[in-house]
Amino acid sequence: MKNKLFNHTQWRLTLLFTSFLIIFLISFILITYFSLLSIVTNDQKEKAIALVNEEMEDHREDLFEWYFEGKRKKHSKRDVLEYKPEARTFYFVISSDGILIDGDENKPEIRSEILSHIKNWQPEENEVKRISIHLEDGSKEDLLLSGRPIFEHGSYLGTIYAGTNISEETEVIQTLLFILIVLSIIFIAASALLGYWMAGRAMVPISNAFNRQKEFTADASHELRTPLSILQSSLEVIEAEDRENLSPFSVTVLDDLKDEVKRMTHLVNDLLLLARTDLGKEQINKDWFSITSVLEKLQRKFQYEAEKAGVHLSASLENEVKVFGDEEKITQLLFILVDNAIKYNVPGGDVQVSAVKDNNQIRIEVKDTGVGIPLEHQKRIFDRFYRVDQARSREKGSSGIGLSIADWIVQVHNGKLEVISGEEGKGTIFSILLPLTK
């Protein structure tokens, strides 16, 4: 069974690798696209400028003739424009009064659109203008225009405009962009799969080392149980046979030893349980049982501990409520929560245990008026060996793994464990939601 921690880490490594790859590919696509667009556009701009200079040399005299002589004549656009369907360039000679006096074109249907764009436009030297014209069939023509106004002795004679059609180049670049995007998506998907596989391979030695550590913890905990049991039994024998013959100091030492052995036994059992859960070897025996009876037994069991700590323990229970689960594990879960509620309470405080039905679930709450849990610690209290107050936890004999076990028990029962604690010193509520159905 693959450990969730390593599976999560593997996914995070894959996501990190894929994210870097996506950033690289997006950067590559953008750089490639804009570089090609810039190269093609600059090249076509130079052609447009060269074309207008060439047409200016050829048709400058036409403007002179029109300005000084041709005003007496009427010219028709049909007479002065030459139709060149195969050409990708065109030019127009516009007089100072806006009359088209010469030119050639390859698409007569877009002439009016072009003339509307260049109307009243007197371009600066080497200025290039890009325009897009939408045709009736839904297609689009991309054009680059340049122009040279002609002056003579301060008089404006007109402007020679020239342009080139860059629709094919634009379409090629857009097609290339589409191909790059499609290839990038395919490459990212393949790289994500490869990255996941490589991350899994990289995690193998770490996972094996972690599994060996878990097995060692389980074996060590198991081996420690026997000597601890023998030590506990020996202390009980000594106490039963010779307690009256011991000095007060020896009796104190004996009681301290019993408490320490008890604490060590509890810690070893918790470590063994965690090790078994990590290895997937802990057995869960689910069956129907009375949660009401479990809570009543816990109340009786902790009554003495509560009175000893000066805490009032009460329980509010519904009539017989049965749940489907592991009775031993649920009892351990509630034992941990009630034990903590008493340990971390204040003299004269209260611990309230309640159980109520909530639709198809049962909600069990353990509420105390103790020291509370600061908000910044609440996200980590279910982490192993995490203790909010290190000094107080050692004083109370806490190892910091009880809530980790409680959280695991709730998870294997498909339940939910929540903590509510407003601020330090205001008490804490642990709320458990368990399903009532299988």
Protein backbone atom coordinates (compact mmCIF):
# COMPACT_ATOMS: atom_id res chain seq x y z
CA MET A 1 0.00 0.00 0.00
CA LYS A 2 1.49 3.28 -1.09
CA ASN A 3 1.91 5.83 1.67
CA LYS A 4 -0.27 8.93 1.23
CA LEU A 5 2.64 11.18 2.15
CA PHE A 6 4.80 9.83 -0.70
CA ASN A 7 1.89 9.82 -3.12
CA HIS A 8 1.22 13.48 -2.27
CA THR A 9 4.91 14.29 -2.62
CA GLN A 10 5.06 12.51 -5.97
CA TRP A 11 2.13 14.56 -7.25
CA ARG A 12 3.72 17.78 -5.96
CA LEU A 13 7.01 16.98 -7.71
CA THR A 14 5.11 16.22 -10.92
CA LEU A 15 3.16 19.47 -10.63
CA LEU A 16 6.34 21.43 -9.97
CA PHE A 17 8.12 19.83 -12.96
CA THR A 18 5.11 20.36 -15.22
CA SER A 19 4.69 23.98 -14.06
CA PHE A 20 8.28 24.81 -14.97
CA LEU A 21 7.78 23.10 -18.32
CA ILE A 22 4.57 25.04 -19.00
CA ILE A 23 6.28 28.33 -18.15
CA PHE A 24 9.18 27.42 -20.44
CA LEU A 25 6.90 26.41 -23.33
CA ILE A 26 4.68 29.47 -22.99
CA SER A 27 7.76 31.68 -22.96
CA PHE A 28 9.15 29.83 -26.00
CA ILE A 29 5.87 30.18 -27.91
CA LEU A 30 5.50 33.87 -27.09
CA ILE A 31 9.12 34.64 -27.97
CA THR A 32 8.89 32.63 -31.21
CA TYR A 33 5.56 34.16 -32.20
CA PHE A 34 6.47 37.77 -31.55
CA SER A 35 9.96 37.33 -33.02
CA LEU A 36 8.58 35.93 -36.26
CA LEU A 37 5.83 38.54 -36.30
CA SER A 38 8.38 41.28 -35.78
CA ILE A 39 10.72 39.92 -38.46
CA VAL A 40 7.95 39.52 -41.04
CA THR A 41 6.35 42.86 -40.19
CA ASN A 42 9.65 44.75 -40.33
CA ASP A 43 10.50 43.10 -43.63
CA GLN A 44 7.12 44.04 -45.10
CA LYS A 45 7.42 47.56 -43.68
CA GLU A 46 10.73 47.98 -45.47
CA LYS A 47 9.12 46.72 -48.67
CA ALA A 48 6.23 49.14 -48.25
CA ILE A 49 8.63 52.06 -47.69
CA ALA A 50 10.78 50.99 -50.66
CA LEU A 51 7.64 50.64 -52.78
CA VAL A 52 6.34 54.12 -51.96
CA ASN A 53 9.76 55.61 -52.69
CA GLU A 54 9.81 53.80 -56.01
CA GLU A 55 6.28 54.94 -56.88
CA MET A 56 7.17 58.48 -55.85
CA GLU A 57 10.01 58.54 -58.40
CA ASP A 58 7.70 57.16 -61.08
CA HIS A 59 4.60 59.31 -60.40
CA ARG A 60 5.86 62.54 -58.90
CA GLU A 61 5.48 64.17 -62.31
CA ASP A 62 1.83 63.05 -62.44
CA LEU A 63 1.10 65.21 -59.40
CA PHE A 64 2.93 68.17 -60.98
CA GLU A 65 0.91 67.83 -64.17
CA TRP A 66 -2.35 67.45 -62.30
CA TYR A 67 -1.68 70.38 -60.00
CA PHE A 68 -0.51 72.81 -62.67
CA GLU A 69 -2.27 71.54 -65.80
CA GLY A 70 -4.65 68.70 -65.11
CA LYS A 71 -7.27 70.61 -63.15
CA ARG A 72 -8.84 71.57 -66.43
CA LYS A 73 -9.45 67.93 -67.24
CA LYS A 74 -11.76 65.42 -65.63
CA HIS A 75 -10.30 62.05 -64.92
CA SER A 76 -12.27 58.93 -64.14
CA LYS A 77 -11.00 56.34 -61.64
CA ARG A 78 -11.91 53.68 -64.13
CA ASP A 79 -9.53 55.24 -66.60
CA VAL A 80 -6.58 55.90 -64.28
CA LEU A 81 -6.49 52.68 -62.14
CA GLU A 82 -4.80 49.59 -63.49
CA TYR A 83 -6.13 46.21 -62.34
CA LYS A 84 -3.40 43.66 -61.40
CA PRO A 85 -5.10 40.61 -59.80
CA GLU A 86 -1.83 38.69 -59.33
CA ALA A 87 0.03 41.51 -57.60
CA ARG A 88 0.35 41.75 -53.82
CA THR A 89 1.19 45.43 -53.86
CA PHE A 90 -0.76 48.49 -54.90
CA TYR A 91 -0.43 52.26 -55.00
CA PHE A 92 -2.66 55.31 -55.20
CA VAL A 93 -1.79 58.84 -56.26
CA ILE A 94 -4.11 61.27 -54.48
CA SER A 95 -4.17 64.94 -55.35
CA SER A 96 -4.27 67.74 -52.79
CA ASP A 97 -8.04 68.04 -53.28
CA GLY A 98 -8.54 64.30 -52.61
CA ILE A 99 -8.98 63.10 -56.17
CA LEU A 100 -7.55 59.71 -57.14
CA ILE A 101 -5.55 60.48 -60.29
CA ASP A 102 -3.48 57.31 -60.77
CA GLY A 103 -2.69 53.89 -59.32
CA ASP A 104 -3.03 50.14 -59.55
CA GLU A 105 -4.83 47.61 -57.39
CA ASN A 106 -5.42 43.89 -57.02
CA LYS A 107 -8.74 43.93 -55.14
CA PRO A 108 -11.12 46.68 -56.38
CA GLU A 109 -13.72 45.65 -53.78
CA ILE A 110 -11.58 46.95 -50.90
CA ARG A 111 -10.60 50.23 -52.58
CA SER A 112 -13.20 52.32 -50.75
CA GLU A 113 -12.11 50.90 -47.37
CA ILE A 114 -8.48 51.72 -48.11
CA LEU A 115 -9.35 55.25 -49.27
CA SER A 116 -11.35 55.84 -46.10
CA HIS A 117 -8.34 54.81 -43.97
CA ILE A 118 -5.90 57.08 -45.81
CA LYS A 119 -8.24 60.05 -46.07
CA ASN A 120 -6.64 63.11 -44.47
CA TRP A 121 -3.60 61.02 -43.51
CA GLN A 122 -0.31 62.73 -44.32
CA PRO A 123 2.31 60.19 -43.25
CA GLU A 124 5.65 61.16 -41.80
CA GLU A 125 8.82 59.98 -43.49
CA ASN A 126 9.12 56.18 -43.32
CA GLU A 127 5.83 55.95 -41.41
CA VAL A 128 3.93 52.69 -41.94
CA LYS A 129 0.30 52.07 -41.05
CA ARG A 130 -1.28 48.66 -40.59
CA ILE A 131 -4.98 48.18 -41.33
CA SER A 132 -7.35 45.20 -41.39
CA ILE A 133 -10.31 45.03 -43.74
CA HIS A 134 -13.14 42.53 -43.27
CA LEU A 135 -14.70 41.22 -46.46
CA GLU A 136 -18.31 40.18 -47.01
CA ASP A 137 -17.39 36.47 -47.13
CA GLY A 138 -16.01 36.70 -43.57
CA SER A 139 -12.34 36.73 -44.54
CA LYS A 140 -9.91 39.43 -43.55
CA GLU A 141 -7.22 41.30 -45.44
CA ASP A 142 -4.19 42.60 -43.51
CA LEU A 143 -2.41 45.50 -45.24
CA LEU A 144 0.65 47.65 -44.58
CA LEU A 145 0.44 51.20 -45.95
CA SER A 146 3.04 53.90 -46.36
CA GLY A 147 2.98 57.24 -48.10
CA ARG A 148 4.98 60.26 -49.22
CA PRO A 149 3.37 63.70 -49.36
CA ILE A 150 4.67 65.82 -52.25
CA PHE A 151 5.39 69.53 -51.81
CA GLU A 152 6.63 72.09 -54.32
CA HIS A 153 7.78 75.51 -53.12
CA GLY A 154 5.73 75.06 -49.95
CA SER A 155 2.58 74.05 -51.84
CA TYR A 156 1.02 70.67 -51.05
CA LEU A 157 0.51 68.84 -54.33
CA GLY A 158 -0.81 65.51 -53.04
CA THR A 159 0.31 62.18 -51.60
CA ILE A 160 1.51 58.95 -53.13
CA TYR A 161 0.37 55.94 -51.10
CA ALA A 162 1.67 52.40 -51.52
CA GLY A 163 0.78 49.22 -49.70
CA THR A 164 1.41 45.52 -49.54
CA ASN A 165 -0.90 42.68 -48.59
CA ILE A 166 0.49 40.66 -45.64
CA SER A 167 -2.53 38.38 -45.17
CA GLU A 168 -0.62 35.28 -46.23
CA GLU A 169 2.25 35.99 -43.85
CA THR A 170 -0.18 36.65 -41.00
CA GLU A 171 -2.04 33.41 -41.73
CA VAL A 172 1.22 31.44 -41.82
CA ILE A 173 2.29 32.88 -38.46
CA GLN A 174 -1.12 32.17 -36.88
CA THR A 175 -1.04 28.61 -38.25
CA LEU A 176 2.45 28.18 -36.82
CA LEU A 177 1.19 29.51 -33.47
CA PHE A 178 -1.69 26.99 -33.49
CA ILE A 179 0.70 24.13 -34.32
CA LEU A 180 3.06 25.20 -31.52
CA ILE A 181 0.19 25.32 -29.02
CA VAL A 182 -1.09 21.86 -30.03
CA LEU A 183 2.41 20.37 -29.90
CA SER A 184 3.01 22.03 -26.53
CA ILE A 185 -0.18 20.54 -25.08
CA ILE A 186 0.83 17.08 -26.31
CA PHE A 187 4.37 17.57 -25.03
CA ILE A 188 3.13 18.82 -21.64
CA ALA A 189 0.80 15.82 -21.26
CA ALA A 190 3.59 13.39 -22.18
CA SER A 191 6.04 15.21 -19.92
CA ALA A 192 3.57 15.15 -17.02
CA LEU A 193 3.24 11.38 -17.34
CA LEU A 194 7.00 11.02 -17.65
CA GLY A 195 7.52 13.38 -14.70
CA TYR A 196 5.09 11.39 -12.56
CA TRP A 197 6.91 8.18 -13.43
CA MET A 198 10.33 9.73 -12.75
CA ALA A 199 9.11 11.22 -9.45
CA GLY A 200 7.83 7.78 -8.48
CA ARG A 201 11.19 6.24 -9.30
CA ALA A 202 12.97 8.93 -7.29
CA MET A 203 10.70 8.26 -4.30
CA VAL A 204 11.42 4.51 -4.25
CA PRO A 205 14.62 4.61 -2.14
CA ILE A 206 13.10 7.19 0.19
CA SER A 207 9.94 5.13 0.52
CA ASN A 208 11.95 1.98 1.20
CA ALA A 209 13.97 3.75 3.91
CA PHE A 210 10.78 5.10 5.45
CA ASN A 211 9.19 1.64 5.42
CA ARG A 212 12.26 0.17 7.12
CA GLN A 213 12.00 2.88 9.75
CA LYS A 214 8.31 2.10 10.30
CA GLU A 215 9.07 -1.62 10.57
CA PHE A 216 11.83 -0.87 13.07
CA THR A 217 9.45 1.26 15.14
CA ALA A 218 6.83 -1.48 15.07
CA ASP A 219 9.34 -4.19 15.97
CA ALA A 220 10.98 -2.10 18.70
CA SER A 221 7.60 -1.18 20.20
CA HIS A 222 6.53 -4.80 20.14
CA GLU A 223 9.76 -5.97 21.76
CA LEU A 224 9.50 -3.30 24.47
CA ARG A 225 6.05 -4.45 25.52
CA THR A 226 7.33 -7.68 27.04
CA PRO A 227 9.98 -6.21 29.38
CA LEU A 228 7.59 -3.44 30.37
CA SER A 229 4.92 -6.00 31.22
CA ILE A 230 7.45 -7.96 33.28
CA LEU A 231 8.58 -4.78 35.04
CA GLN A 232 4.98 -3.82 35.77
CA SER A 233 4.23 -7.26 37.18
CA SER A 234 7.40 -7.23 39.31
CA LEU A 235 6.51 -3.87 40.80
CA GLU A 236 3.02 -5.11 41.61
CA VAL A 237 4.49 -8.19 43.32
CA ILE A 238 6.88 -6.05 45.37
CA GLU A 239 4.05 -3.75 46.34
CA ALA A 240 1.77 -6.63 47.34
CA GLU A 241 4.38 -8.49 49.42
CA ASP A 242 6.72 -5.88 50.89
CA ARG A 243 4.98 -2.48 50.78
CA GLU A 244 4.44 -2.49 54.56
CA ASN A 245 8.13 -3.22 55.15
CA LEU A 246 9.35 -0.42 52.89
CA SER A 247 10.45 2.96 54.15
CA PRO A 248 8.38 6.01 53.13
CA PHE A 249 11.11 6.98 50.65
CA SER A 250 11.05 3.50 49.08
CA VAL A 251 7.27 3.63 48.84
CA THR A 252 7.54 6.97 47.00
CA VAL A 253 10.14 5.52 44.63
CA LEU A 254 7.94 2.48 44.03
CA ASP A 255 4.92 4.66 43.18
CA ASP A 256 7.03 6.78 40.85
CA LEU A 257 8.31 3.66 39.10
CA LYS A 258 4.76 2.39 38.64
CA ASP A 259 3.69 5.72 37.14
CA GLU A 260 6.66 5.80 34.76
CA VAL A 261 6.14 2.20 33.69
CA LYS A 262 2.48 2.94 33.09
CA ARG A 263 3.38 6.01 31.03
CA MET A 264 6.00 4.10 29.03
CA THR A 265 3.57 1.26 28.37
CA HIS A 266 0.97 3.72 27.13
CA LEU A 267 3.56 5.44 24.88
CA VAL A 268 4.83 2.12 23.46
CA ASN A 269 1.26 1.00 22.71
CA ASP A 270 0.57 4.29 20.91
CA LEU A 271 3.79 4.03 18.88
CA LEU A 272 2.98 0.44 17.97
CA LEU A 273 -0.50 1.47 16.83
CA LEU A 274 0.88 4.28 14.66
CA ALA A 275 3.51 1.97 13.16
CA ARG A 276 0.83 -0.60 12.31
CA THR A 277 -1.40 2.03 10.72
CA ASP A 278 1.51 3.22 8.57
CA LEU A 279 2.17 -0.34 7.45
CA GLY A 280 -1.53 -0.99 6.89
CA LYS A 281 -1.46 -3.89 9.37
CA GLU A 282 -3.81 -2.50 12.03
CA GLN A 283 -7.03 -4.49 12.02
CA ILE A 284 -10.37 -2.68 12.02
CA ASN A 285 -13.23 -4.88 13.23
CA LYS A 286 -16.49 -3.10 12.50
CA ASP A 287 -19.82 -4.14 13.93
CA TRP A 288 -22.94 -2.57 15.39
CA PHE A 289 -22.52 -1.38 18.98
CA SER A 290 -24.13 1.06 21.39
CA ILE A 291 -22.29 4.39 21.46
CA THR A 292 -24.47 5.37 24.42
CA SER A 293 -23.07 2.50 26.49
CA VAL A 294 -19.50 3.43 25.53
CA LEU A 295 -19.99 7.02 26.67
CA GLU A 296 -21.56 5.90 29.95
CA LYS A 297 -18.58 3.62 30.67
CA LEU A 298 -16.16 6.44 29.90
CA GLN A 299 -18.01 8.75 32.26
CA ARG A 300 -17.73 6.22 35.07
CA LYS A 301 -14.08 5.50 34.25
CA PHE A 302 -13.01 9.17 34.26
CA GLN A 303 -15.13 10.29 37.19
CA TYR A 304 -12.36 9.69 39.69
CA GLU A 305 -9.71 11.38 37.49
CA ALA A 306 -11.97 14.38 37.04
CA GLU A 307 -12.65 14.72 40.77
CA LYS A 308 -8.94 14.34 41.49
CA ALA A 309 -8.20 17.23 39.08
CA GLY A 310 -11.01 19.35 40.52
CA VAL A 311 -12.98 19.18 37.26
CA HIS A 312 -16.71 18.53 36.91
CA LEU A 313 -17.45 15.82 34.32
CA SER A 314 -20.97 15.50 32.89
CA ALA A 315 -22.59 13.70 29.97
CA SER A 316 -25.68 14.46 27.92
CA LEU A 317 -26.73 11.37 26.01
CA GLU A 318 -29.69 10.40 23.87
CA ASN A 319 -31.48 7.10 24.23
CA GLU A 320 -29.81 3.99 22.87
CA VAL A 321 -27.90 4.92 19.68
CA LYS A 322 -26.09 2.27 17.71
CA VAL A 323 -23.29 2.93 15.24
CA PHE A 324 -21.38 0.70 12.85
CA GLY A 325 -17.69 0.70 13.64
CA ASP A 326 -14.82 -0.70 15.68
CA GLU A 327 -15.98 -0.38 19.28
CA GLU A 328 -12.45 -0.65 20.69
CA LYS A 329 -11.10 2.09 18.40
CA ILE A 330 -14.06 4.42 19.00
CA THR A 331 -13.60 3.92 22.75
CA GLN A 332 -9.90 4.76 22.38
CA LEU A 333 -10.83 7.89 20.39
CA LEU A 334 -13.18 9.15 23.08
CA PHE A 335 -10.70 8.17 25.81
CA ILE A 336 -8.06 10.41 24.21
CA LEU A 337 -10.39 13.40 23.90
CA VAL A 338 -11.87 13.15 27.40
CA ASP A 339 -8.43 12.53 28.93
CA ASN A 340 -7.06 15.67 27.24
CA ALA A 341 -10.11 17.69 28.30
CA ILE A 342 -9.44 16.82 31.94
CA LYS A 343 -5.65 17.17 31.76
CA TYR A 344 -5.67 20.60 30.17
CA ASN A 345 -8.53 22.04 32.20
CA VAL A 346 -8.37 24.41 35.13
CA PRO A 347 -9.37 23.73 38.75
CA GLY A 348 -13.13 24.16 39.04
CA GLY A 349 -13.55 23.73 35.27
CA ASP A 350 -16.12 21.67 33.38
CA VAL A 351 -15.97 18.86 30.83
CA GLN A 352 -19.20 18.10 28.97
CA VAL A 353 -19.68 15.09 26.71
CA SER A 354 -22.74 15.02 24.46
CA ALA A 355 -24.03 12.81 21.68
CA VAL A 356 -26.93 13.73 19.37
CA LYS A 357 -28.24 12.41 16.07
CA ASP A 358 -27.67 14.68 13.07
CA ASN A 359 -29.55 13.27 10.03
CA ASN A 360 -27.69 10.05 9.13
CA GLN A 361 -24.81 10.90 11.43
CA ILE A 362 -24.12 11.13 15.11
CA ARG A 363 -22.36 14.17 16.48
CA ILE A 364 -20.25 13.62 19.60
CA GLU A 365 -18.82 16.66 21.31
CA VAL A 366 -16.24 16.89 24.09
CA LYS A 367 -16.35 20.41 25.46
CA ASP A 368 -14.08 21.82 28.16
CA THR A 369 -13.43 25.14 29.86
CA GLY A 370 -9.67 24.68 29.92
CA VAL A 371 -6.66 26.53 28.56
CA GLY A 372 -7.86 26.47 24.94
CA ILE A 373 -5.82 26.15 21.76
CA PRO A 374 -4.43 29.27 20.04
CA LEU A 375 -5.64 29.67 16.45
CA GLU A 376 -2.12 29.43 14.97
CA HIS A 377 -1.68 25.96 16.50
CA GLN A 378 -5.04 24.46 15.52
CA LYS A 379 -3.91 23.34 12.06
CA ARG A 380 -1.05 21.30 13.51
CA ILE A 381 -2.52 19.69 16.62
CA PHE A 382 -3.20 16.46 14.68
CA ASP A 383 0.45 16.21 13.58
CA ARG A 384 2.49 13.53 15.32
CA PHE A 385 4.48 14.63 18.37
CA TYR A 386 3.21 18.19 18.04
CA ARG A 387 2.51 19.87 21.37
CA VAL A 388 1.13 23.38 21.79
CA ASP A 389 2.86 23.94 25.14
CA GLN A 390 5.96 21.74 25.39
CA ALA A 391 6.53 22.32 29.12
CA ARG A 392 2.90 21.76 30.10
CA SER A 393 2.63 18.65 27.91
CA ARG A 394 5.70 17.07 29.53
CA GLU A 395 4.30 17.94 32.95
CA LYS A 396 1.00 16.23 32.08
CA GLY A 397 2.82 13.21 30.62
CA SER A 398 1.66 13.86 27.07
CA SER A 399 3.65 12.46 24.14
CA GLY A 400 1.90 14.49 21.45
CA ILE A 401 0.57 11.53 19.46
CA GLY A 402 -2.87 11.07 21.01
CA LEU A 403 -4.68 13.42 18.64
CA SER A 404 -2.88 11.85 15.67
CA ILE A 405 -4.36 8.50 16.67
CA ALA A 406 -7.78 10.10 17.21
CA ASP A 407 -7.68 11.67 13.75
CA TRP A 408 -6.74 8.34 12.15
CA ILE A 409 -9.57 6.52 13.93
CA VAL A 410 -12.10 9.05 12.66
CA GLN A 411 -10.74 8.77 9.11
CA VAL A 412 -10.99 4.97 8.96
CA HIS A 413 -14.62 5.34 10.05
CA ASN A 414 -15.31 7.84 7.23
CA GLY A 415 -16.02 10.51 9.81
CA LYS A 416 -14.88 14.03 10.52
CA LEU A 417 -13.02 15.49 13.49
CA GLU A 418 -13.16 19.25 14.08
CA VAL A 419 -11.70 21.51 16.73
CA ILE A 420 -13.29 24.77 17.85
CA SER A 421 -11.33 27.02 20.15
CA GLY A 422 -11.79 30.77 20.03
CA GLU A 423 -8.68 31.84 21.90
CA GLU A 424 -6.32 30.75 24.62
CA GLY A 425 -8.02 30.40 28.01
CA LYS A 426 -11.55 30.10 26.54
CA GLY A 427 -11.85 26.32 26.37
CA THR A 428 -12.05 23.90 23.47
CA ILE A 429 -14.69 21.82 21.69
CA PHE A 430 -13.76 18.65 19.80
CA SER A 431 -16.61 17.62 17.52
CA ILE A 432 -16.83 14.14 15.96
CA LEU A 433 -19.20 13.26 13.12
CA LEU A 434 -19.67 9.53 12.52
CA PRO A 435 -22.04 7.91 9.99
CA LEU A 436 -24.84 5.80 11.42
CA THR A 437 -24.96 3.53 8.37
CA LYS A 438 -22.51 0.99 7.00
